Amino acid sequence: MVTGCRSSGLLDASAQVVTGRCKLVSVHVTSIGGPATIKVFDGTDNSGKEVARITVGIDNLTGGNPPNYIQDETVEFDMHGVLMENGIYYEETSGEAAVFINFA
């Protein structure tokens, strides 16, 4: 059980969150202006082991050509303290997102 954790603060571009062994507690993602996909890796870059991939905002597209985007979406992904051996690297894969990663 994780009793307390630290936060990455706002992430709005790919970044190293922390290096070294830690526990990944949760990932909070909000799409900004359209669908977005983010990935979280165990490592110091995007060549480490991928431990999470989250896509938000895709259900907020309506018909039309191109489709209309009606609202941003926010989700929390509870990681239950996944052990990260080499650190946490965050990658914004597509779209724009506001992300907070909690770790211990």
PDB file of N, CA and C in Angstrom:
ATOM      1  N   MET A   1       0.839  -1.173   0.000  1.00  0.00           N
ATOM      2  CA  MET A   1       0.000   0.000   0.000  1.00  0.00           C
ATOM      3  C   MET A   1       0.888   1.243   0.000  1.00  0.00           C
ATOM      4  N   VAL A   2       0.559   2.192  -0.837  1.00  0.00           N
ATOM      5  CA  VAL A   2       1.296   3.447  -0.900  1.00  0.00           C
ATOM      6  C   VAL A   2       0.629   4.432   0.045  1.00  0.00           C
ATOM      7  N   THR A   3       1.384   4.998   0.971  1.00  0.00           N
ATOM      8  CA  THR A   3       0.792   5.896   1.961  1.00  0.00           C
ATOM      9  C   THR A   3       0.979   7.366   1.616  1.00  0.00           C
ATOM     10  N   GLY A   4       1.840   7.668   0.718  1.00  0.00           N
ATOM     11  CA  GLY A   4       2.076   9.045   0.291  1.00  0.00           C
ATOM     12  C   GLY A   4       2.821   9.010  -1.022  1.00  0.00           C
ATOM     13  N   CYS A   5       2.752  10.099  -1.772  1.00  0.00           N
ATOM     14  CA  CYS A   5       3.443  10.100  -3.055  1.00  0.00           C
ATOM     15  C   CYS A   5       3.845  11.508  -3.455  1.00  0.00           C
ATOM     16  N   ARG A   6       4.687  11.571  -4.473  1.00  0.00           N
ATOM     17  CA  ARG A   6       5.110  12.836  -5.064  1.00  0.00           C
ATOM     18  C   ARG A   6       4.421  12.994  -6.410  1.00  0.00           C
ATOM     19  N   SER A   7       4.390  14.230  -6.907  1.00  0.00           N
ATOM     20  CA  SER A   7       3.768  14.516  -8.192  1.00  0.00           C
ATOM     21  C   SER A   7       4.803  15.062  -9.158  1.00  0.00           C
ATOM     22  N   SER A   8       4.610  14.753 -10.423  1.00  0.00           N
ATOM     23  CA  SER A   8       5.459  15.302 -11.475  1.00  0.00           C
ATOM     24  C   SER A   8       5.216  16.787 -11.671  1.00  0.00           C
ATOM     25  N   GLY A   9       4.071  17.273 -11.200  1.00  0.00           N
ATOM     26  CA  GLY A   9       3.633  18.596 -11.614  1.00  0.00           C
ATOM     27  C   GLY A   9       3.079  18.469 -13.021  1.00  0.00           C
ATOM     28  N   LEU A  10       2.642  19.564 -13.587  1.00  0.00           N
ATOM     29  CA  LEU A  10       2.040  19.541 -14.917  1.00  0.00           C
ATOM     30  C   LEU A  10       3.054  19.142 -15.977  1.00  0.00           C
ATOM     31  N   LEU A  11       2.699  18.124 -16.760  1.00  0.00           N
ATOM     32  CA  LEU A  11       3.496  17.710 -17.921  1.00  0.00           C
ATOM     33  C   LEU A  11       2.682  18.028 -19.176  1.00  0.00           C
ATOM     34  N   ASP A  12       3.245  18.822 -20.091  1.00  0.00           N
ATOM     35  CA  ASP A  12       2.541  19.103 -21.337  1.00  0.00           C
ATOM     36  C   ASP A  12       3.416  18.834 -22.553  1.00  0.00           C
ATOM     37  N   ALA A  13       4.505  18.097 -22.327  1.00  0.00           N
ATOM     38  CA  ALA A  13       5.399  17.622 -23.387  1.00  0.00           C
ATOM     39  C   ALA A  13       6.162  16.426 -22.834  1.00  0.00           C
ATOM     40  N   SER A  14       6.725  15.604 -23.714  1.00  0.00           N
ATOM     41  CA  SER A  14       7.492  14.443 -23.283  1.00  0.00           C
ATOM     42  C   SER A  14       8.600  14.870 -22.331  1.00  0.00           C
ATOM     43  N   ALA A  15       8.821  14.064 -21.266  1.00  0.00           N
ATOM     44  CA  ALA A  15       9.819  14.456 -20.263  1.00  0.00           C
ATOM     45  C   ALA A  15      10.183  13.288 -19.360  1.00  0.00           C
ATOM     46  N   GLN A  16      11.407  13.360 -18.803  1.00  0.00           N
ATOM     47  CA  GLN A  16      11.825  12.450 -17.739  1.00  0.00           C
ATOM     48  C   GLN A  16      11.173  12.931 -16.456  1.00  0.00           C
ATOM     49  N   VAL A  17      10.438  12.069 -15.774  1.00  0.00           N
ATOM     50  CA  VAL A  17       9.757  12.451 -14.539  1.00  0.00           C
ATOM     51  C   VAL A  17      10.670  12.234 -13.344  1.00  0.00           C
ATOM     52  N   VAL A  18      11.299  11.074 -13.279  1.00  0.00           N
ATOM     53  CA  VAL A  18      12.198  10.740 -12.176  1.00  0.00           C
ATOM     54  C   VAL A  18      13.130   9.628 -12.658  1.00  0.00           C
ATOM     55  N   THR A  19      14.340   9.580 -12.112  1.00  0.00           N
ATOM     56  CA  THR A  19      15.257   8.488 -12.439  1.00  0.00           C
ATOM     57  C   THR A  19      15.422   7.595 -11.210  1.00  0.00           C
ATOM     58  N   GLY A  20      15.765   6.349 -11.452  1.00  0.00           N
ATOM     59  CA  GLY A  20      15.964   5.400 -10.365  1.00  0.00           C
ATOM     60  C   GLY A  20      14.682   4.659 -10.014  1.00  0.00           C
ATOM     61  N   ARG A  21      14.828   3.737  -9.093  1.00  0.00           N
ATOM     62  CA  ARG A  21      13.712   2.873  -8.687  1.00  0.00           C
ATOM     63  C   ARG A  21      12.636   3.678  -7.956  1.00  0.00           C
ATOM     64  N   CYS A  22      11.385   3.421  -8.297  1.00  0.00           N
ATOM     65  CA  CYS A  22      10.256   4.095  -7.651  1.00  0.00           C
ATOM     66  C   CYS A  22       8.988   3.287  -7.908  1.00  0.00           C
ATOM     67  N   LYS A  23       7.894   3.753  -7.322  1.00  0.00           N
ATOM     68  CA  LYS A  23       6.577   3.139  -7.550  1.00  0.00           C
ATOM     69  C   LYS A  23       5.709   4.126  -8.316  1.00  0.00           C
ATOM     70  N   LEU A  24       5.097   3.646  -9.390  1.00  0.00           N
ATOM     71  CA  LEU A  24       4.158   4.449 -10.170  1.00  0.00           C
ATOM     72  C   LEU A  24       2.784   4.292  -9.538  1.00  0.00           C
ATOM     73  N   VAL A  25       2.243   5.379  -9.002  1.00  0.00           N
ATOM     74  CA  VAL A  25       0.987   5.338  -8.257  1.00  0.00           C
ATOM     75  C   VAL A  25      -0.210   5.586  -9.165  1.00  0.00           C
ATOM     76  N   SER A  26      -0.189   6.685  -9.922  1.00  0.00           N
ATOM     77  CA  SER A  26      -1.318   6.986 -10.802  1.00  0.00           C
ATOM     78  C   SER A  26      -0.914   7.972 -11.886  1.00  0.00           C
ATOM     79  N   VAL A  27      -1.737   8.004 -12.940  1.00  0.00           N
ATOM     80  CA  VAL A  27      -1.541   8.923 -14.056  1.00  0.00           C
ATOM     81  C   VAL A  27      -2.870   9.632 -14.287  1.00  0.00           C
ATOM     82  N   HIS A  28      -2.845  10.963 -14.317  1.00  0.00           N
ATOM     83  CA  HIS A  28      -4.041  11.774 -14.571  1.00  0.00           C
ATOM     84  C   HIS A  28      -3.846  12.466 -15.912  1.00  0.00           C
ATOM     85  N   VAL A  29      -4.801  12.289 -16.842  1.00  0.00           N
ATOM     86  CA  VAL A  29      -4.655  12.807 -18.197  1.00  0.00           C
ATOM     87  C   VAL A  29      -5.905  13.588 -18.595  1.00  0.00           C
ATOM     88  N   THR A  30      -5.718  14.788 -19.154  1.00  0.00           N
ATOM     89  CA  THR A  30      -6.800  15.576 -19.732  1.00  0.00           C
ATOM     90  C   THR A  30      -6.440  15.893 -21.174  1.00  0.00           C
ATOM     91  N   SER A  31      -7.350  15.570 -22.092  1.00  0.00           N
ATOM     92  CA  SER A  31      -7.136  15.944 -23.489  1.00  0.00           C
ATOM     93  C   SER A  31      -7.361  17.444 -23.623  1.00  0.00           C
ATOM     94  N   ILE A  32      -6.645  18.074 -24.548  1.00  0.00           N
ATOM     95  CA  ILE A  32      -6.777  19.517 -24.763  1.00  0.00           C
ATOM     96  C   ILE A  32      -7.093  19.764 -26.236  1.00  0.00           C
ATOM     97  N   GLY A  33      -8.330  20.132 -26.519  1.00  0.00           N
ATOM     98  CA  GLY A  33      -8.708  20.521 -27.868  1.00  0.00           C
ATOM     99  C   GLY A  33      -8.843  19.403 -28.877  1.00  0.00           C
ATOM    100  N   GLY A  34      -8.733  18.170 -28.461  1.00  0.00           N
ATOM    101  CA  GLY A  34      -8.867  17.023 -29.360  1.00  0.00           C
ATOM    102  C   GLY A  34      -8.317  15.782 -28.688  1.00  0.00           C
ATOM    103  N   PRO A  35      -8.516  14.622 -29.303  1.00  0.00           N
ATOM    104  CA  PRO A  35      -8.016  13.377 -28.727  1.00  0.00           C
ATOM    105  C   PRO A  35      -6.497  13.409 -28.529  1.00  0.00           C
ATOM    106  N   ALA A  36      -6.034  12.710 -27.509  1.00  0.00           N
ATOM    107  CA  ALA A  36      -4.599  12.640 -27.222  1.00  0.00           C
ATOM    108  C   ALA A  36      -4.252  11.239 -26.731  1.00  0.00           C
ATOM    109  N   THR A  37      -3.045  10.795 -27.052  1.00  0.00           N
ATOM    110  CA  THR A  37      -2.518   9.525 -26.557  1.00  0.00           C
ATOM    111  C   THR A  37      -1.188   9.790 -25.872  1.00  0.00           C
ATOM    112  N   ILE A  38      -1.039   9.206 -24.678  1.00  0.00           N
ATOM    113  CA  ILE A  38       0.219   9.323 -23.941  1.00  0.00           C
ATOM    114  C   ILE A  38       0.718   7.931 -23.586  1.00  0.00           C
ATOM    115  N   LYS A  39       2.033   7.830 -23.345  1.00  0.00           N
ATOM    116  CA  LYS A  39       2.648   6.575 -22.914  1.00  0.00           C
ATOM    117  C   LYS A  39       3.540   6.852 -21.715  1.00  0.00           C
ATOM    118  N   VAL A  40       3.664   5.852 -20.841  1.00  0.00           N
ATOM    119  CA  VAL A  40       4.561   5.935 -19.689  1.00  0.00           C
ATOM    120  C   VAL A  40       5.506   4.738 -19.768  1.00  0.00           C
ATOM    121  N   PHE A  41       6.805   5.017 -19.619  1.00  0.00           N
ATOM    122  CA  PHE A  41       7.833   3.988 -19.745  1.00  0.00           C
ATOM    123  C   PHE A  41       8.636   3.855 -18.458  1.00  0.00           C
ATOM    124  N   ASP A  42       9.090   2.617 -18.178  1.00  0.00           N
ATOM    125  CA  ASP A  42      10.063   2.358 -17.120  1.00  0.00           C
ATOM    126  C   ASP A  42      11.423   2.591 -17.756  1.00  0.00           C
ATOM    127  N   GLY A  43      12.022   3.754 -17.477  1.00  0.00           N
ATOM    128  CA  GLY A  43      13.316   4.049 -18.078  1.00  0.00           C
ATOM    129  C   GLY A  43      13.587   5.530 -18.141  1.00  0.00           C
ATOM    130  N   THR A  44      14.617   5.882 -18.911  1.00  0.00           N
ATOM    131  CA  THR A  44      15.016   7.274 -19.044  1.00  0.00           C
ATOM    132  C   THR A  44      14.672   7.857 -20.406  1.00  0.00           C
ATOM    133  N   ASP A  45      14.036   7.059 -21.258  1.00  0.00           N
ATOM    134  CA  ASP A  45      13.542   7.532 -22.552  1.00  0.00           C
ATOM    135  C   ASP A  45      12.471   6.558 -23.035  1.00  0.00           C
ATOM    136  N   ASN A  46      12.004   6.743 -24.262  1.00  0.00           N
ATOM    137  CA  ASN A  46      10.908   5.899 -24.754  1.00  0.00           C
ATOM    138  C   ASN A  46      11.369   4.551 -25.297  1.00  0.00           C
ATOM    139  N   SER A  47      12.603   4.145 -24.988  1.00  0.00           N
ATOM    140  CA  SER A  47      13.053   2.804 -25.368  1.00  0.00           C
ATOM    141  C   SER A  47      12.925   1.825 -24.206  1.00  0.00           C
ATOM    142  N   GLY A  48      12.512   2.316 -23.033  1.00  0.00           N
ATOM    143  CA  GLY A  48      12.301   1.437 -21.882  1.00  0.00           C
ATOM    144  C   GLY A  48      11.011   0.633 -22.031  1.00  0.00           C
ATOM    145  N   LYS A  49      10.672  -0.128 -20.994  1.00  0.00           N
ATOM    146  CA  LYS A  49       9.468  -0.944 -21.019  1.00  0.00           C
ATOM    147  C   LYS A  49       8.232  -0.046 -20.902  1.00  0.00           C
ATOM    148  N   GLU A  50       7.306  -0.156 -21.869  1.00  0.00           N
ATOM    149  CA  GLU A  50       6.062   0.604 -21.802  1.00  0.00           C
ATOM    150  C   GLU A  50       5.161  -0.021 -20.740  1.00  0.00           C
ATOM    151  N   VAL A  51       4.709   0.785 -19.774  1.00  0.00           N
ATOM    152  CA  VAL A  51       3.869   0.270 -18.696  1.00  0.00           C
ATOM    153  C   VAL A  51       2.444   0.812 -18.748  1.00  0.00           C
ATOM    154  N   ALA A  52       2.218   1.871 -19.528  1.00  0.00           N
ATOM    155  CA  ALA A  52       0.861   2.413 -19.664  1.00  0.00           C
ATOM    156  C   ALA A  52       0.740   3.158 -20.977  1.00  0.00           C
ATOM    157  N   ARG A  53      -0.436   3.037 -21.601  1.00  0.00           N
ATOM    158  CA  ARG A  53      -0.792   3.794 -22.796  1.00  0.00           C
ATOM    159  C   ARG A  53      -2.237   4.229 -22.612  1.00  0.00           C
ATOM    160  N   ILE A  54      -2.470   5.517 -22.666  1.00  0.00           N
ATOM    161  CA  ILE A  54      -3.807   6.050 -22.405  1.00  0.00           C
ATOM    162  C   ILE A  54      -4.214   6.968 -23.549  1.00  0.00           C
ATOM    163  N   THR A  55      -5.408   6.747 -24.081  1.00  0.00           N
ATOM    164  CA  THR A  55      -5.985   7.631 -25.091  1.00  0.00           C
ATOM    165  C   THR A  55      -7.233   8.259 -24.503  1.00  0.00           C
ATOM    166  N   VAL A  56      -7.325   9.589 -24.575  1.00  0.00           N
ATOM    167  CA  VAL A  56      -8.481  10.310 -24.055  1.00  0.00           C
ATOM    168  C   VAL A  56      -9.074  11.196 -25.144  1.00  0.00           C
ATOM    169  N   GLY A  57     -10.368  11.466 -25.017  1.00  0.00           N
ATOM    170  CA  GLY A  57     -11.041  12.386 -25.914  1.00  0.00           C
ATOM    171  C   GLY A  57     -11.597  11.786 -27.176  1.00  0.00           C
ATOM    172  N   ILE A  58     -11.300  10.532 -27.453  1.00  0.00           N
ATOM    173  CA  ILE A  58     -11.741   9.922 -28.710  1.00  0.00           C
ATOM    174  C   ILE A  58     -13.265   9.783 -28.766  1.00  0.00           C
ATOM    175  N   ASP A  59     -13.917   9.580 -27.615  1.00  0.00           N
ATOM    176  CA  ASP A  59     -15.373   9.444 -27.585  1.00  0.00           C
ATOM    177  C   ASP A  59     -16.085  10.786 -27.716  1.00  0.00           C
ATOM    178  N   ASN A  60     -15.333  11.882 -27.750  1.00  0.00           N
ATOM    179  CA  ASN A  60     -15.939  13.204 -27.842  1.00  0.00           C
ATOM    180  C   ASN A  60     -15.920  13.761 -29.259  1.00  0.00           C
ATOM    181  N   LEU A  61     -15.769  12.872 -30.245  1.00  0.00           N
ATOM    182  CA  LEU A  61     -15.834  13.278 -31.641  1.00  0.00           C
ATOM    183  C   LEU A  61     -17.252  13.047 -32.151  1.00  0.00           C
ATOM    184  N   THR A  62     -17.757  13.989 -32.920  1.00  0.00           N
ATOM    185  CA  THR A  62     -19.086  13.843 -33.521  1.00  0.00           C
ATOM    186  C   THR A  62     -18.929  13.673 -35.025  1.00  0.00           C
ATOM    187  N   GLY A  63     -20.041  13.388 -35.683  1.00  0.00           N
ATOM    188  CA  GLY A  63     -20.012  13.229 -37.133  1.00  0.00           C
ATOM    189  C   GLY A  63     -19.541  14.496 -37.827  1.00  0.00           C
ATOM    190  N   GLY A  64     -19.277  14.383 -39.082  1.00  0.00           N
ATOM    191  CA  GLY A  64     -18.813  15.516 -39.868  1.00  0.00           C
ATOM    192  C   GLY A  64     -17.526  15.165 -40.562  1.00  0.00           C
ATOM    193  N   ASN A  65     -17.129  16.002 -41.475  1.00  0.00           N
ATOM    194  CA  ASN A  65     -15.901  15.755 -42.215  1.00  0.00           C
ATOM    195  C   ASN A  65     -15.122  17.049 -42.288  1.00  0.00           C
ATOM    196  N   PRO A  66     -14.123  17.299 -41.448  1.00  0.00           N
ATOM    197  CA  PRO A  66     -13.643  16.377 -40.410  1.00  0.00           C
ATOM    198  C   PRO A  66     -14.581  16.336 -39.209  1.00  0.00           C
ATOM    199  N   PRO A  67     -14.439  15.321 -38.344  1.00  0.00           N
ATOM    200  CA  PRO A  67     -15.297  15.241 -37.156  1.00  0.00           C
ATOM    201  C   PRO A  67     -15.127  16.450 -36.252  1.00  0.00           C
ATOM    202  N   ASN A  68     -16.182  16.821 -35.567  1.00  0.00           N
ATOM    203  CA  ASN A  68     -16.126  17.919 -34.603  1.00  0.00           C
ATOM    204  C   ASN A  68     -15.759  17.371 -33.237  1.00  0.00           C
ATOM    205  N   TYR A  69     -14.937  18.111 -32.513  1.00  0.00           N
ATOM    206  CA  TYR A  69     -14.538  17.733 -31.157  1.00  0.00           C
ATOM    207  C   TYR A  69     -15.382  18.557 -30.203  1.00  0.00           C
ATOM    208  N   ILE A  70     -16.125  17.897 -29.284  1.00  0.00           N
ATOM    209  CA  ILE A  70     -17.096  18.624 -28.475  1.00  0.00           C
ATOM    210  C   ILE A  70     -16.623  18.987 -27.076  1.00  0.00           C
ATOM    211  N   GLN A  71     -15.710  18.240 -26.463  1.00  0.00           N
ATOM    212  CA  GLN A  71     -15.224  18.600 -25.130  1.00  0.00           C
ATOM    213  C   GLN A  71     -14.000  17.788 -24.755  1.00  0.00           C
ATOM    214  N   ASP A  72     -13.199  18.353 -23.833  1.00  0.00           N
ATOM    215  CA  ASP A  72     -12.038  17.640 -23.322  1.00  0.00           C
ATOM    216  C   ASP A  72     -12.490  16.541 -22.365  1.00  0.00           C
ATOM    217  N   GLU A  73     -11.620  15.569 -22.155  1.00  0.00           N
ATOM    218  CA  GLU A  73     -11.934  14.450 -21.262  1.00  0.00           C
ATOM    219  C   GLU A  73     -10.783  14.277 -20.281  1.00  0.00           C
ATOM    220  N   THR A  74     -11.120  13.967 -19.035  1.00  0.00           N
ATOM    221  CA  THR A  74     -10.121  13.720 -18.000  1.00  0.00           C
ATOM    222  C   THR A  74     -10.314  12.315 -17.445  1.00  0.00           C
ATOM    223  N   VAL A  75      -9.202  11.575 -17.296  1.00  0.00           N
ATOM    224  CA  VAL A  75      -9.256  10.237 -16.699  1.00  0.00           C
ATOM    225  C   VAL A  75      -8.120  10.095 -15.686  1.00  0.00           C
ATOM    226  N   GLU A  76      -8.342   9.226 -14.707  1.00  0.00           N
ATOM    227  CA  GLU A  76      -7.281   8.832 -13.789  1.00  0.00           C
ATOM    228  C   GLU A  76      -7.038   7.353 -13.993  1.00  0.00           C
ATOM    229  N   PHE A  77      -5.771   6.980 -14.135  1.00  0.00           N
ATOM    230  CA  PHE A  77      -5.375   5.595 -14.330  1.00  0.00           C
ATOM    231  C   PHE A  77      -4.612   5.190 -13.077  1.00  0.00           C
ATOM    232  N   ASP A  78      -5.219   4.364 -12.225  1.00  0.00           N
ATOM    233  CA  ASP A  78      -4.598   3.935 -10.975  1.00  0.00           C
ATOM    234  C   ASP A  78      -3.619   2.801 -11.269  1.00  0.00           C
ATOM    235  N   MET A  79      -2.353   3.016 -10.980  1.00  0.00           N
ATOM    236  CA  MET A  79      -1.318   2.024 -11.290  1.00  0.00           C
ATOM    237  C   MET A  79      -0.967   1.133 -10.097  1.00  0.00           C
ATOM    238  N   HIS A  80      -1.568   1.360  -8.930  1.00  0.00           N
ATOM    239  CA  HIS A  80      -1.411   0.484  -7.761  1.00  0.00           C
ATOM    240  C   HIS A  80       0.039   0.276  -7.330  1.00  0.00           C
ATOM    241  N   GLY A  81       0.901   1.261  -7.555  1.00  0.00           N
ATOM    242  CA  GLY A  81       2.280   1.141  -7.087  1.00  0.00           C
ATOM    243  C   GLY A  81       3.157   0.222  -7.912  1.00  0.00           C
ATOM    244  N   VAL A  82       2.986   0.230  -9.237  1.00  0.00           N
ATOM    245  CA  VAL A  82       3.827  -0.589 -10.110  1.00  0.00           C
ATOM    246  C   VAL A  82       5.295  -0.221  -9.877  1.00  0.00           C
ATOM    247  N   LEU A  83       6.155  -1.224  -9.678  1.00  0.00           N
ATOM    248  CA  LEU A  83       7.577  -0.976  -9.460  1.00  0.00           C
ATOM    249  C   LEU A  83       8.258  -0.596 -10.769  1.00  0.00           C
ATOM    250  N   MET A  84       8.905   0.549 -10.758  1.00  0.00           N
ATOM    251  CA  MET A  84       9.662   1.034 -11.913  1.00  0.00           C
ATOM    252  C   MET A  84      11.139   0.921 -11.539  1.00  0.00           C
ATOM    253  N   GLU A  85      11.887   0.136 -12.265  1.00  0.00           N
ATOM    254  CA  GLU A  85      13.289  -0.123 -11.921  1.00  0.00           C
ATOM    255  C   GLU A  85      14.224   1.015 -12.313  1.00  0.00           C
ATOM    256  N   ASN A  86      13.939   1.694 -13.419  1.00  0.00           N
ATOM    257  CA  ASN A  86      14.900   2.652 -13.974  1.00  0.00           C
ATOM    258  C   ASN A  86      14.411   4.091 -14.013  1.00  0.00           C
ATOM    259  N   GLY A  87      13.219   4.343 -13.515  1.00  0.00           N
ATOM    260  CA  GLY A  87      12.671   5.687 -13.538  1.00  0.00           C
ATOM    261  C   GLY A  87      11.370   5.740 -14.321  1.00  0.00           C
ATOM    262  N   ILE A  88      10.843   6.944 -14.475  1.00  0.00           N
ATOM    263  CA  ILE A  88       9.588   7.148 -15.205  1.00  0.00           C
ATOM    264  C   ILE A  88       9.838   8.160 -16.316  1.00  0.00           C
ATOM    265  N   TYR A  89       9.540   7.734 -17.539  1.00  0.00           N
ATOM    266  CA  TYR A  89       9.617   8.637 -18.683  1.00  0.00           C
ATOM    267  C   TYR A  89       8.212   8.774 -19.257  1.00  0.00           C
ATOM    268  N   TYR A  90       7.802  10.033 -19.489  1.00  0.00           N
ATOM    269  CA  TYR A  90       6.488  10.339 -20.037  1.00  0.00           C
ATOM    270  C   TYR A  90       6.628  10.753 -21.493  1.00  0.00           C
ATOM    271  N   GLU A  91       5.779  10.186 -22.358  1.00  0.00           N
ATOM    272  CA  GLU A  91       5.788  10.563 -23.770  1.00  0.00           C
ATOM    273  C   GLU A  91       4.394  10.988 -24.208  1.00  0.00           C
ATOM    274  N   GLU A  92       4.300  12.185 -24.769  1.00  0.00           N
ATOM    275  CA  GLU A  92       3.054  12.650 -25.383  1.00  0.00           C
ATOM    276  C   GLU A  92       3.118  12.204 -26.835  1.00  0.00           C
ATOM    277  N   THR A  93       2.352  11.162 -27.166  1.00  0.00           N
ATOM    278  CA  THR A  93       2.473  10.498 -28.459  1.00  0.00           C
ATOM    279  C   THR A  93       1.695  11.198 -29.566  1.00  0.00           C
ATOM    280  N   SER A  94       0.461  11.607 -29.271  1.00  0.00           N
ATOM    281  CA  SER A  94      -0.339  12.312 -30.277  1.00  0.00           C
ATOM    282  C   SER A  94      -1.292  13.272 -29.586  1.00  0.00           C
ATOM    283  N   GLY A  95      -1.639  14.346 -30.266  1.00  0.00           N
ATOM    284  CA  GLY A  95      -2.530  15.341 -29.704  1.00  0.00           C
ATOM    285  C   GLY A  95      -1.846  16.122 -28.595  1.00  0.00           C
ATOM    286  N   GLU A  96      -2.668  16.876 -27.841  1.00  0.00           N
ATOM    287  CA  GLU A  96      -2.162  17.645 -26.705  1.00  0.00           C
ATOM    288  C   GLU A  96      -2.861  17.175 -25.441  1.00  0.00           C
ATOM    289  N   ALA A  97      -2.088  17.058 -24.365  1.00  0.00           N
ATOM    290  CA  ALA A  97      -2.652  16.595 -23.097  1.00  0.00           C
ATOM    291  C   ALA A  97      -1.999  17.342 -21.933  1.00  0.00           C
ATOM    292  N   ALA A  98      -2.744  17.462 -20.848  1.00  0.00           N
ATOM    293  CA  ALA A  98      -2.220  17.943 -19.577  1.00  0.00           C
ATOM    294  C   ALA A  98      -2.156  16.721 -18.671  1.00  0.00           C
ATOM    295  N   VAL A  99      -0.974  16.404 -18.156  1.00  0.00           N
ATOM    296  CA  VAL A  99      -0.756  15.145 -17.439  1.00  0.00           C
ATOM    297  C   VAL A  99      -0.069  15.397 -16.104  1.00  0.00           C
ATOM    298  N   PHE A 100      -0.493  14.640 -15.103  1.00  0.00           N
ATOM    299  CA  PHE A 100       0.163  14.612 -13.806  1.00  0.00           C
ATOM    300  C   PHE A 100       0.458  13.147 -13.494  1.00  0.00           C
ATOM    301  N   ILE A 101       1.704  12.836 -13.129  1.00  0.00           N
ATOM    302  CA  ILE A 101       2.085  11.480 -12.756  1.00  0.00           C
ATOM    303  C   ILE A 101       2.470  11.479 -11.286  1.00  0.00           C
ATOM    304  N   ASN A 102       1.829  10.609 -10.518  1.00  0.00           N
ATOM    305  CA  ASN A 102       2.109  10.470  -9.092  1.00  0.00           C
ATOM    306  C   ASN A 102       2.946   9.225  -8.867  1.00  0.00           C
ATOM    307  N   PHE A 103       3.981   9.362  -8.022  1.00  0.00           N
ATOM    308  CA  PHE A 103       4.916   8.260  -7.801  1.00  0.00           C
ATOM    309  C   PHE A 103       5.464   8.338  -6.382  1.00  0.00           C
ATOM    310  N   ALA A 104       6.008   7.219  -5.925  1.00  0.00           N
ATOM    311  CA  ALA A 104       6.601   7.169  -4.582  1.00  0.00           C
ATOM    312  C   ALA A 104       7.961   6.513  -4.657  1.00  0.00           C
TER     313      ALA A 104
END
